[in-house]
């Protein structure tokens, strides 16, 4: 079954941002070593910052990409945060494409 992960924030959980950033880094790095990987990860809202130049988790992002996980960033979000020229090579999606991907997925996990 095709799994899609939806990452909605640069932080994992709600509370202290420093802790949330640490937890997100841990989550993405552990995901790299998981036996089963999602087919696609969609990043929107502040989660697109995880894909930008200078992100503390680019090592994990690059490893996931090398392992064949599709990475899609919300183009509206990228433009909102002024990151268009700082993005690592990822798919830039619009809301119609994101909806299509979510509907085509057998299972969606929101992180």
PDB file of N, CA and C in Angstrom:
ATOM      1  N   UNK A   1       0.841  -1.175   0.000  1.00  0.00           N
ATOM      2  CA  UNK A   1       0.000   0.000   0.000  1.00  0.00           C
ATOM      3  C   UNK A   1       0.893   1.247   0.000  1.00  0.00           C
ATOM      4  N   UNK A   2       0.588   2.165  -0.896  1.00  0.00           N
ATOM      5  CA  UNK A   2       1.356   3.395  -1.018  1.00  0.00           C
ATOM      6  C   UNK A   2       1.089   4.300   0.180  1.00  0.00           C
ATOM      7  N   UNK A   3       2.176   4.711   0.847  1.00  0.00           N
ATOM      8  CA  UNK A   3       2.052   5.628   1.983  1.00  0.00           C
ATOM      9  C   UNK A   3       2.610   6.997   1.608  1.00  0.00           C
ATOM     10  N   UNK A   4       1.900   8.009   2.030  1.00  0.00           N
ATOM     11  CA  UNK A   4       2.342   9.388   1.863  1.00  0.00           C
ATOM     12  C   UNK A   4       2.413  10.023   3.238  1.00  0.00           C
ATOM     13  N   UNK A   5       3.533  10.688   3.521  1.00  0.00           N
ATOM     14  CA  UNK A   5       3.668  11.444   4.762  1.00  0.00           C
ATOM     15  C   UNK A   5       3.400  12.905   4.445  1.00  0.00           C
ATOM     16  N   UNK A   6       2.682  13.554   5.320  1.00  0.00           N
ATOM     17  CA  UNK A   6       2.352  14.964   5.196  1.00  0.00           C
ATOM     18  C   UNK A   6       2.979  15.679   6.385  1.00  0.00           C
ATOM     19  N   UNK A   7       3.998  16.475   6.123  1.00  0.00           N
ATOM     20  CA  UNK A   7       4.682  17.200   7.199  1.00  0.00           C
ATOM     21  C   UNK A   7       4.236  18.655   7.126  1.00  0.00           C
ATOM     22  N   UNK A   8       3.647  19.137   8.227  1.00  0.00           N
ATOM     23  CA  UNK A   8       2.968  20.424   8.225  1.00  0.00           C
ATOM     24  C   UNK A   8       3.728  21.543   8.929  1.00  0.00           C
ATOM     25  N   UNK A   9       4.848  21.221   9.557  1.00  0.00           N
ATOM     26  CA  UNK A   9       5.587  22.213  10.331  1.00  0.00           C
ATOM     27  C   UNK A   9       7.059  21.842  10.378  1.00  0.00           C
ATOM     28  N   UNK A  10       7.892  22.824  10.613  1.00  0.00           N
ATOM     29  CA  UNK A  10       9.321  22.544  10.786  1.00  0.00           C
ATOM     30  C   UNK A  10       9.598  21.922  12.150  1.00  0.00           C
ATOM     31  N   UNK A  11       8.594  21.906  13.011  1.00  0.00           N
ATOM     32  CA  UNK A  11       8.720  21.349  14.357  1.00  0.00           C
ATOM     33  C   UNK A  11       7.835  20.117  14.497  1.00  0.00           C
ATOM     34  N   UNK A  12       8.250  19.165  15.292  1.00  0.00           N
ATOM     35  CA  UNK A  12       7.430  17.995  15.582  1.00  0.00           C
ATOM     36  C   UNK A  12       6.744  18.230  16.919  1.00  0.00           C
ATOM     37  N   UNK A  13       5.425  18.257  16.894  1.00  0.00           N
ATOM     38  CA  UNK A  13       4.657  18.495  18.101  1.00  0.00           C
ATOM     39  C   UNK A  13       4.456  19.976  18.372  1.00  0.00           C
ATOM     40  N   UNK A  14       3.708  20.240  19.418  1.00  0.00           N
ATOM     41  CA  UNK A  14       3.395  21.611  19.827  1.00  0.00           C
ATOM     42  C   UNK A  14       3.994  21.837  21.202  1.00  0.00           C
ATOM     43  N   UNK A  15       4.642  22.961  21.367  1.00  0.00           N
ATOM     44  CA  UNK A  15       5.280  23.294  22.634  1.00  0.00           C
ATOM     45  C   UNK A  15       6.544  24.075  22.358  1.00  0.00           C
ATOM     46  N   UNK A  16       7.611  23.692  22.985  1.00  0.00           N
ATOM     47  CA  UNK A  16       8.884  24.374  22.828  1.00  0.00           C
ATOM     48  C   UNK A  16       9.441  24.137  21.417  1.00  0.00           C
ATOM     49  N   UNK A  17       9.751  25.223  20.706  1.00  0.00           N
ATOM     50  CA  UNK A  17      10.246  25.113  19.331  1.00  0.00           C
ATOM     51  C   UNK A  17      11.608  24.440  19.246  1.00  0.00           C
ATOM     52  N   UNK A  18      12.474  24.689  20.201  1.00  0.00           N
ATOM     53  CA  UNK A  18      13.801  24.056  20.179  1.00  0.00           C
ATOM     54  C   UNK A  18      13.661  22.534  20.310  1.00  0.00           C
ATOM     55  N   UNK A  19      12.815  22.114  21.215  1.00  0.00           N
ATOM     56  CA  UNK A  19      12.558  20.681  21.367  1.00  0.00           C
ATOM     57  C   UNK A  19      11.893  20.122  20.111  1.00  0.00           C
ATOM     58  N   UNK A  20      10.934  20.860  19.562  1.00  0.00           N
ATOM     59  CA  UNK A  20      10.246  20.420  18.350  1.00  0.00           C
ATOM     60  C   UNK A  20      11.185  20.256  17.172  1.00  0.00           C
ATOM     61  N   UNK A  21      12.173  21.154  17.049  1.00  0.00           N
ATOM     62  CA  UNK A  21      13.165  21.044  15.972  1.00  0.00           C
ATOM     63  C   UNK A  21      14.050  19.821  16.179  1.00  0.00           C
ATOM     64  N   UNK A  22      14.446  19.577  17.416  1.00  0.00           N
ATOM     65  CA  UNK A  22      15.264  18.397  17.731  1.00  0.00           C
ATOM     66  C   UNK A  22      14.490  17.123  17.417  1.00  0.00           C
ATOM     67  N   UNK A  23      13.216  17.088  17.806  1.00  0.00           N
ATOM     68  CA  UNK A  23      12.394  15.909  17.551  1.00  0.00           C
ATOM     69  C   UNK A  23      12.188  15.675  16.054  1.00  0.00           C
ATOM     70  N   UNK A  24      11.994  16.750  15.271  1.00  0.00           N
ATOM     71  CA  UNK A  24      11.823  16.598  13.829  1.00  0.00           C
ATOM     72  C   UNK A  24      13.094  16.038  13.199  1.00  0.00           C
ATOM     73  N   UNK A  25      14.249  16.537  13.629  1.00  0.00           N
ATOM     74  CA  UNK A  25      15.515  16.011  13.122  1.00  0.00           C
ATOM     75  C   UNK A  25      15.662  14.538  13.439  1.00  0.00           C
ATOM     76  N   UNK A  26      15.333  14.154  14.653  1.00  0.00           N
ATOM     77  CA  UNK A  26      15.410  12.754  15.055  1.00  0.00           C
ATOM     78  C   UNK A  26      14.444  11.907  14.235  1.00  0.00           C
ATOM     79  N   UNK A  27      13.221  12.407  14.052  1.00  0.00           N
ATOM     80  CA  UNK A  27      12.221  11.676  13.281  1.00  0.00           C
ATOM     81  C   UNK A  27      12.710  11.411  11.858  1.00  0.00           C
ATOM     82  N   UNK A  28      13.191  12.453  11.170  1.00  0.00           N
ATOM     83  CA  UNK A  28      13.616  12.294   9.782  1.00  0.00           C
ATOM     84  C   UNK A  28      14.837  11.382   9.658  1.00  0.00           C
ATOM     85  N   UNK A  29      15.764  11.488  10.587  1.00  0.00           N
ATOM     86  CA  UNK A  29      16.962  10.630  10.528  1.00  0.00           C
ATOM     87  C   UNK A  29      16.612   9.169  10.819  1.00  0.00           C
ATOM     88  N   UNK A  30      15.724   8.929  11.760  1.00  0.00           N
ATOM     89  CA  UNK A  30      15.288   7.552  12.045  1.00  0.00           C
ATOM     90  C   UNK A  30      14.470   6.996  10.885  1.00  0.00           C
ATOM     91  N   UNK A  31      13.696   7.847  10.238  1.00  0.00           N
ATOM     92  CA  UNK A  31      12.927   7.408   9.084  1.00  0.00           C
ATOM     93  C   UNK A  31      13.848   6.890   7.984  1.00  0.00           C
ATOM     94  N   UNK A  32      15.005   7.510   7.832  1.00  0.00           N
ATOM     95  CA  UNK A  32      15.981   7.071   6.822  1.00  0.00           C
ATOM     96  C   UNK A  32      16.405   5.623   7.015  1.00  0.00           C
ATOM     97  N   UNK A  33      16.374   5.150   8.240  1.00  0.00           N
ATOM     98  CA  UNK A  33      16.842   3.796   8.535  1.00  0.00           C
ATOM     99  C   UNK A  33      15.692   2.792   8.662  1.00  0.00           C
ATOM    100  N   UNK A  34      14.471   3.248   8.471  1.00  0.00           N
ATOM    101  CA  UNK A  34      13.314   2.358   8.582  1.00  0.00           C
ATOM    102  C   UNK A  34      13.287   1.358   7.429  1.00  0.00           C
ATOM    103  N   UNK A  35      12.772   0.172   7.696  1.00  0.00           N
ATOM    104  CA  UNK A  35      12.661  -0.855   6.657  1.00  0.00           C
ATOM    105  C   UNK A  35      11.675  -0.442   5.570  1.00  0.00           C
ATOM    106  N   UNK A  36      10.542   0.098   5.968  1.00  0.00           N
ATOM    107  CA  UNK A  36       9.531   0.547   5.016  1.00  0.00           C
ATOM    108  C   UNK A  36       9.522   2.071   4.984  1.00  0.00           C
ATOM    109  N   UNK A  37       9.621   2.615   3.794  1.00  0.00           N
ATOM    110  CA  UNK A  37       9.636   4.068   3.624  1.00  0.00           C
ATOM    111  C   UNK A  37       8.361   4.525   2.919  1.00  0.00           C
ATOM    112  N   UNK A  38       7.968   5.763   3.155  1.00  0.00           N
ATOM    113  CA  UNK A  38       6.831   6.282   2.395  1.00  0.00           C
ATOM    114  C   UNK A  38       7.222   6.473   0.933  1.00  0.00           C
ATOM    115  N   UNK A  39       6.247   6.443   0.063  1.00  0.00           N
ATOM    116  CA  UNK A  39       6.500   6.700  -1.356  1.00  0.00           C
ATOM    117  C   UNK A  39       6.756   8.188  -1.573  1.00  0.00           C
ATOM    118  N   UNK A  40       6.073   9.010  -0.792  1.00  0.00           N
ATOM    119  CA  UNK A  40       6.128  10.461  -0.975  1.00  0.00           C
ATOM    120  C   UNK A  40       6.059  11.157   0.374  1.00  0.00           C
ATOM    121  N   UNK A  41       6.773  12.278   0.499  1.00  0.00           N
ATOM    122  CA  UNK A  41       6.609  13.171   1.639  1.00  0.00           C
ATOM    123  C   UNK A  41       6.253  14.543   1.084  1.00  0.00           C
ATOM    124  N   UNK A  42       5.146  15.086   1.556  1.00  0.00           N
ATOM    125  CA  UNK A  42       4.700  16.415   1.145  1.00  0.00           C
ATOM    126  C   UNK A  42       4.952  17.361   2.306  1.00  0.00           C
ATOM    127  N   UNK A  43       5.601  18.488   2.008  1.00  0.00           N
ATOM    128  CA  UNK A  43       5.937  19.496   3.010  1.00  0.00           C
ATOM    129  C   UNK A  43       5.118  20.747   2.724  1.00  0.00           C
ATOM    130  N   UNK A  44       4.357  21.224   3.712  1.00  0.00           N
ATOM    131  CA  UNK A  44       3.679  22.500   3.522  1.00  0.00           C
ATOM    132  C   UNK A  44       3.725  23.317   4.797  1.00  0.00           C
ATOM    133  N   UNK A  45       3.266  24.560   4.685  1.00  0.00           N
ATOM    134  CA  UNK A  45       3.407  25.568   5.722  1.00  0.00           C
ATOM    135  C   UNK A  45       4.893  25.675   6.084  1.00  0.00           C
ATOM    136  N   UNK A  46       5.241  25.827   7.353  1.00  0.00           N
ATOM    137  CA  UNK A  46       6.650  26.057   7.694  1.00  0.00           C
ATOM    138  C   UNK A  46       7.523  24.825   7.486  1.00  0.00           C
ATOM    139  N   UNK A  47       6.948  23.682   7.198  1.00  0.00           N
ATOM    140  CA  UNK A  47       7.745  22.472   6.930  1.00  0.00           C
ATOM    141  C   UNK A  47       8.632  22.645   5.704  1.00  0.00           C
ATOM    142  N   UNK A  48       8.277  23.548   4.787  1.00  0.00           N
ATOM    143  CA  UNK A  48       9.121  23.746   3.601  1.00  0.00           C
ATOM    144  C   UNK A  48      10.510  24.257   3.990  1.00  0.00           C
ATOM    145  N   UNK A  49      10.630  24.866   5.162  1.00  0.00           N
ATOM    146  CA  UNK A  49      11.939  25.343   5.625  1.00  0.00           C
ATOM    147  C   UNK A  49      12.915  24.188   5.819  1.00  0.00           C
ATOM    148  N   UNK A  50      12.401  22.983   6.054  1.00  0.00           N
ATOM    149  CA  UNK A  50      13.256  21.808   6.227  1.00  0.00           C
ATOM    150  C   UNK A  50      14.001  21.456   4.941  1.00  0.00           C
ATOM    151  N   UNK A  51      13.494  21.896   3.806  1.00  0.00           N
ATOM    152  CA  UNK A  51      14.070  21.586   2.499  1.00  0.00           C
ATOM    153  C   UNK A  51      15.011  22.666   1.988  1.00  0.00           C
ATOM    154  N   UNK A  52      15.098  23.766   2.703  1.00  0.00           N
ATOM    155  CA  UNK A  52      15.847  24.933   2.221  1.00  0.00           C
ATOM    156  C   UNK A  52      17.317  24.885   2.620  1.00  0.00           C
ATOM    157  N   UNK A  53      18.118  25.554   1.823  1.00  0.00           N
ATOM    158  CA  UNK A  53      19.541  25.715   2.099  1.00  0.00           C
ATOM    159  C   UNK A  53      19.736  26.172   3.546  1.00  0.00           C
ATOM    160  N   UNK A  54      20.648  25.523   4.257  1.00  0.00           N
ATOM    161  CA  UNK A  54      20.919  25.872   5.643  1.00  0.00           C
ATOM    162  C   UNK A  54      20.110  25.078   6.653  1.00  0.00           C
ATOM    163  N   UNK A  55      19.167  24.278   6.182  1.00  0.00           N
ATOM    164  CA  UNK A  55      18.362  23.461   7.089  1.00  0.00           C
ATOM    165  C   UNK A  55      19.255  22.464   7.825  1.00  0.00           C
ATOM    166  N   UNK A  56      18.989  22.273   9.101  1.00  0.00           N
ATOM    167  CA  UNK A  56      19.779  21.350   9.919  1.00  0.00           C
ATOM    168  C   UNK A  56      19.484  19.886   9.609  1.00  0.00           C
ATOM    169  N   UNK A  57      18.468  19.630   8.778  1.00  0.00           N
ATOM    170  CA  UNK A  57      18.104  18.237   8.479  1.00  0.00           C
ATOM    171  C   UNK A  57      18.333  17.858   7.015  1.00  0.00           C
ATOM    172  N   UNK A  58      19.116  18.656   6.291  1.00  0.00           N
ATOM    173  CA  UNK A  58      19.344  18.343   4.880  1.00  0.00           C
ATOM    174  C   UNK A  58      20.005  16.986   4.683  1.00  0.00           C
ATOM    175  N   UNK A  59      20.799  16.533   5.656  1.00  0.00           N
ATOM    176  CA  UNK A  59      21.409  15.201   5.542  1.00  0.00           C
ATOM    177  C   UNK A  59      20.327  14.138   5.429  1.00  0.00           C
ATOM    178  N   UNK A  60      19.310  14.224   6.255  1.00  0.00           N
ATOM    179  CA  UNK A  60      18.212  13.257   6.224  1.00  0.00           C
ATOM    180  C   UNK A  60      17.384  13.417   4.950  1.00  0.00           C
ATOM    181  N   UNK A  61      17.128  14.650   4.545  1.00  0.00           N
ATOM    182  CA  UNK A  61      16.354  14.915   3.325  1.00  0.00           C
ATOM    183  C   UNK A  61      17.065  14.298   2.121  1.00  0.00           C
ATOM    184  N   UNK A  62      18.368  14.510   2.020  1.00  0.00           N
ATOM    185  CA  UNK A  62      19.139  13.961   0.900  1.00  0.00           C
ATOM    186  C   UNK A  62      19.146  12.438   0.927  1.00  0.00           C
ATOM    187  N   UNK A  63      19.243  11.835   2.106  1.00  0.00           N
ATOM    188  CA  UNK A  63      19.237  10.378   2.212  1.00  0.00           C
ATOM    189  C   UNK A  63      17.879   9.816   1.791  1.00  0.00           C
ATOM    190  N   UNK A  64      16.805  10.456   2.211  1.00  0.00           N
ATOM    191  CA  UNK A  64      15.481   9.990   1.810  1.00  0.00           C
ATOM    192  C   UNK A  64      15.317  10.070   0.293  1.00  0.00           C
ATOM    193  N   UNK A  65      15.794  11.147  -0.292  1.00  0.00           N
ATOM    194  CA  UNK A  65      15.725  11.293  -1.741  1.00  0.00           C
ATOM    195  C   UNK A  65      16.530  10.198  -2.441  1.00  0.00           C
ATOM    196  N   UNK A  66      17.734   9.917  -1.949  1.00  0.00           N
ATOM    197  CA  UNK A  66      18.573   8.870  -2.536  1.00  0.00           C
ATOM    198  C   UNK A  66      17.925   7.495  -2.427  1.00  0.00           C
ATOM    199  N   UNK A  67      17.100   7.314  -1.398  1.00  0.00           N
ATOM    200  CA  UNK A  67      16.410   6.032  -1.209  1.00  0.00           C
ATOM    201  C   UNK A  67      15.119   5.945  -2.016  1.00  0.00           C
ATOM    202  N   UNK A  68      14.847   6.975  -2.820  1.00  0.00           N
ATOM    203  CA  UNK A  68      13.698   6.933  -3.713  1.00  0.00           C
ATOM    204  C   UNK A  68      12.414   7.530  -3.184  1.00  0.00           C
ATOM    205  N   UNK A  69      12.473   8.193  -2.042  1.00  0.00           N
ATOM    206  CA  UNK A  69      11.276   8.844  -1.503  1.00  0.00           C
ATOM    207  C   UNK A  69      11.060  10.150  -2.264  1.00  0.00           C
ATOM    208  N   UNK A  70       9.871  10.336  -2.803  1.00  0.00           N
ATOM    209  CA  UNK A  70       9.549  11.591  -3.473  1.00  0.00           C
ATOM    210  C   UNK A  70       9.367  12.706  -2.453  1.00  0.00           C
ATOM    211  N   UNK A  71       9.885  13.878  -2.766  1.00  0.00           N
ATOM    212  CA  UNK A  71       9.790  15.027  -1.867  1.00  0.00           C
ATOM    213  C   UNK A  71       9.091  16.159  -2.608  1.00  0.00           C
ATOM    214  N   UNK A  72       7.982  16.620  -2.068  1.00  0.00           N
ATOM    215  CA  UNK A  72       7.223  17.692  -2.699  1.00  0.00           C
ATOM    216  C   UNK A  72       7.040  18.829  -1.716  1.00  0.00           C
ATOM    217  N   UNK A  73       7.357  20.030  -2.166  1.00  0.00           N
ATOM    218  CA  UNK A  73       7.167  21.236  -1.364  1.00  0.00           C
ATOM    219  C   UNK A  73       6.000  22.033  -1.930  1.00  0.00           C
ATOM    220  N   UNK A  74       5.190  22.577  -1.065  1.00  0.00           N
ATOM    221  CA  UNK A  74       4.094  23.460  -1.458  1.00  0.00           C
ATOM    222  C   UNK A  74       4.698  24.755  -2.012  1.00  0.00           C
ATOM    223  N   UNK A  75       4.451  25.020  -3.289  1.00  0.00           N
ATOM    224  CA  UNK A  75       5.013  26.214  -3.930  1.00  0.00           C
ATOM    225  C   UNK A  75       4.533  27.507  -3.301  1.00  0.00           C
ATOM    226  N   UNK A  76       3.276  27.580  -2.923  1.00  0.00           N
ATOM    227  CA  UNK A  76       2.737  28.777  -2.267  1.00  0.00           C
ATOM    228  C   UNK A  76       3.486  29.041  -0.966  1.00  0.00           C
ATOM    229  N   UNK A  77       3.760  27.965  -0.220  1.00  0.00           N
ATOM    230  CA  UNK A  77       4.468  28.095   1.062  1.00  0.00           C
ATOM    231  C   UNK A  77       5.911  28.531   0.846  1.00  0.00           C
ATOM    232  N   UNK A  78       6.561  27.949  -0.150  1.00  0.00           N
ATOM    233  CA  UNK A  78       7.940  28.324  -0.471  1.00  0.00           C
ATOM    234  C   UNK A  78       8.013  29.809  -0.804  1.00  0.00           C
ATOM    235  N   UNK A  79       7.077  30.287  -1.610  1.00  0.00           N
ATOM    236  CA  UNK A  79       7.054  31.710  -1.970  1.00  0.00           C
ATOM    237  C   UNK A  79       6.734  32.582  -0.767  1.00  0.00           C
ATOM    238  N   UNK A  80       5.820  32.149   0.079  1.00  0.00           N
ATOM    239  CA  UNK A  80       5.450  32.913   1.272  1.00  0.00           C
ATOM    240  C   UNK A  80       6.666  33.160   2.160  1.00  0.00           C
ATOM    241  N   UNK A  81       7.493  32.131   2.337  1.00  0.00           N
ATOM    242  CA  UNK A  81       8.684  32.245   3.191  1.00  0.00           C
ATOM    243  C   UNK A  81       9.900  32.788   2.440  1.00  0.00           C
ATOM    244  N   UNK A  82       9.760  33.117   1.168  1.00  0.00           N
ATOM    245  CA  UNK A  82      10.856  33.689   0.392  1.00  0.00           C
ATOM    246  C   UNK A  82      12.018  32.729   0.187  1.00  0.00           C
ATOM    247  N   UNK A  83      11.702  31.464  -0.036  1.00  0.00           N
ATOM    248  CA  UNK A  83      12.738  30.429  -0.119  1.00  0.00           C
ATOM    249  C   UNK A  83      12.968  29.895  -1.529  1.00  0.00           C
ATOM    250  N   UNK A  84      12.341  30.479  -2.534  1.00  0.00           N
ATOM    251  CA  UNK A  84      12.405  29.919  -3.891  1.00  0.00           C
ATOM    252  C   UNK A  84      13.836  29.722  -4.384  1.00  0.00           C
ATOM    253  N   UNK A  85      14.729  30.623  -4.043  1.00  0.00           N
ATOM    254  CA  UNK A  85      16.114  30.500  -4.517  1.00  0.00           C
ATOM    255  C   UNK A  85      17.003  29.724  -3.548  1.00  0.00           C
ATOM    256  N   UNK A  86      16.423  29.194  -2.482  1.00  0.00           N
ATOM    257  CA  UNK A  86      17.205  28.479  -1.474  1.00  0.00           C
ATOM    258  C   UNK A  86      16.791  27.020  -1.329  1.00  0.00           C
ATOM    259  N   UNK A  87      15.963  26.549  -2.237  1.00  0.00           N
ATOM    260  CA  UNK A  87      15.435  25.192  -2.117  1.00  0.00           C
ATOM    261  C   UNK A  87      16.399  24.168  -2.707  1.00  0.00           C
ATOM    262  N   UNK A  88      16.508  23.057  -2.014  1.00  0.00           N
ATOM    263  CA  UNK A  88      17.208  21.897  -2.549  1.00  0.00           C
ATOM    264  C   UNK A  88      16.349  21.345  -3.688  1.00  0.00           C
ATOM    265  N   UNK A  89      16.929  20.538  -4.557  1.00  0.00           N
ATOM    266  CA  UNK A  89      16.122  20.004  -5.665  1.00  0.00           C
ATOM    267  C   UNK A  89      14.990  19.097  -5.167  1.00  0.00           C
ATOM    268  N   UNK A  90      13.777  19.619  -5.211  1.00  0.00           N
ATOM    269  CA  UNK A  90      12.576  18.867  -4.839  1.00  0.00           C
ATOM    270  C   UNK A  90      11.487  19.233  -5.832  1.00  0.00           C
ATOM    271  N   UNK A  91      10.429  18.473  -5.826  1.00  0.00           N
ATOM    272  CA  UNK A  91       9.265  18.812  -6.642  1.00  0.00           C
ATOM    273  C   UNK A  91       8.557  19.987  -5.986  1.00  0.00           C
ATOM    274  N   UNK A  92       8.176  20.944  -6.809  1.00  0.00           N
ATOM    275  CA  UNK A  92       7.369  22.058  -6.319  1.00  0.00           C
ATOM    276  C   UNK A  92       5.932  21.756  -6.714  1.00  0.00           C
ATOM    277  N   UNK A  93       5.049  21.696  -5.726  1.00  0.00           N
ATOM    278  CA  UNK A  93       3.672  21.348  -6.013  1.00  0.00           C
ATOM    279  C   UNK A  93       2.719  22.478  -5.708  1.00  0.00           C
ATOM    280  N   UNK A  94       1.565  22.411  -6.344  1.00  0.00           N
ATOM    281  CA  UNK A  94       0.498  23.339  -5.999  1.00  0.00           C
ATOM    282  C   UNK A  94      -0.573  22.555  -5.256  1.00  0.00           C
ATOM    283  N   UNK A  95      -1.583  23.237  -4.755  1.00  0.00           N
ATOM    284  CA  UNK A  95      -2.581  22.571  -3.929  1.00  0.00           C
ATOM    285  C   UNK A  95      -3.338  21.501  -4.712  1.00  0.00           C
ATOM    286  N   UNK A  96      -3.596  21.734  -5.995  1.00  0.00           N
ATOM    287  CA  UNK A  96      -4.284  20.717  -6.804  1.00  0.00           C
ATOM    288  C   UNK A  96      -3.443  19.442  -6.878  1.00  0.00           C
ATOM    289  N   UNK A  97      -2.144  19.594  -7.093  1.00  0.00           N
ATOM    290  CA  UNK A  97      -1.254  18.430  -7.144  1.00  0.00           C
ATOM    291  C   UNK A  97      -1.152  17.720  -5.800  1.00  0.00           C
ATOM    292  N   UNK A  98      -1.121  18.493  -4.733  1.00  0.00           N
ATOM    293  CA  UNK A  98      -1.054  17.902  -3.386  1.00  0.00           C
ATOM    294  C   UNK A  98      -2.332  17.110  -3.105  1.00  0.00           C
ATOM    295  N   UNK A  99      -3.474  17.681  -3.452  1.00  0.00           N
ATOM    296  CA  UNK A  99      -4.741  16.971  -3.257  1.00  0.00           C
ATOM    297  C   UNK A  99      -4.755  15.686  -4.070  1.00  0.00           C
ATOM    298  N   UNK A 100      -4.310  15.753  -5.314  1.00  0.00           N
ATOM    299  CA  UNK A 100      -4.259  14.558  -6.159  1.00  0.00           C
ATOM    300  C   UNK A 100      -3.382  13.482  -5.520  1.00  0.00           C
ATOM    301  N   UNK A 101      -2.218  13.863  -5.033  1.00  0.00           N
ATOM    302  CA  UNK A 101      -1.299  12.910  -4.408  1.00  0.00           C
ATOM    303  C   UNK A 101      -1.924  12.279  -3.162  1.00  0.00           C
ATOM    304  N   UNK A 102      -2.562  13.083  -2.354  1.00  0.00           N
ATOM    305  CA  UNK A 102      -3.203  12.561  -1.143  1.00  0.00           C
ATOM    306  C   UNK A 102      -4.337  11.597  -1.486  1.00  0.00           C
ATOM    307  N   UNK A 103      -5.118  11.927  -2.491  1.00  0.00           N
ATOM    308  CA  UNK A 103      -6.244  11.071  -2.880  1.00  0.00           C
ATOM    309  C   UNK A 103      -5.768   9.770  -3.517  1.00  0.00           C
ATOM    310  N   UNK A 104      -4.610   9.785  -4.169  1.00  0.00           N
ATOM    311  CA  UNK A 104      -4.075   8.590  -4.818  1.00  0.00           C
ATOM    312  C   UNK A 104      -3.336   7.685  -3.837  1.00  0.00           C
ATOM    313  N   UNK A 105      -3.057   8.183  -2.658  1.00  0.00           N
ATOM    314  CA  UNK A 105      -2.305   7.423  -1.678  1.00  0.00           C
ATOM    315  C   UNK A 105      -3.217   6.435  -0.950  1.00  0.00           C
ATOM    316  N   UNK A 106      -2.709   5.265  -0.681  1.00  0.00           N
ATOM    317  CA  UNK A 106      -3.472   4.278   0.068  1.00  0.00           C
ATOM    318  C   UNK A 106      -3.553   4.609   1.546  1.00  0.00           C
ATOM    319  N   UNK A 107      -2.577   5.365   2.040  1.00  0.00           N
ATOM    320  CA  UNK A 107      -2.519   5.697   3.459  1.00  0.00           C
ATOM    321  C   UNK A 107      -1.755   7.002   3.628  1.00  0.00           C
ATOM    322  N   UNK A 108      -2.323   7.953   4.343  1.00  0.00           N
ATOM    323  CA  UNK A 108      -1.669   9.243   4.600  1.00  0.00           C
ATOM    324  C   UNK A 108      -1.371   9.360   6.086  1.00  0.00           C
ATOM    325  N   UNK A 109      -0.134   9.693   6.405  1.00  0.00           N
ATOM    326  CA  UNK A 109       0.301   9.894   7.783  1.00  0.00           C
ATOM    327  C   UNK A 109       0.666  11.365   7.934  1.00  0.00           C
ATOM    328  N   UNK A 110      -0.004  12.069   8.843  1.00  0.00           N
ATOM    329  CA  UNK A 110       0.311  13.467   9.109  1.00  0.00           C
ATOM    330  C   UNK A 110       1.273  13.534  10.278  1.00  0.00           C
ATOM    331  N   UNK A 111       2.369  14.236  10.061  1.00  0.00           N
ATOM    332  CA  UNK A 111       3.422  14.358  11.066  1.00  0.00           C
ATOM    333  C   UNK A 111       3.400  15.768  11.608  1.00  0.00           C
TER     334      UNK A 111
END
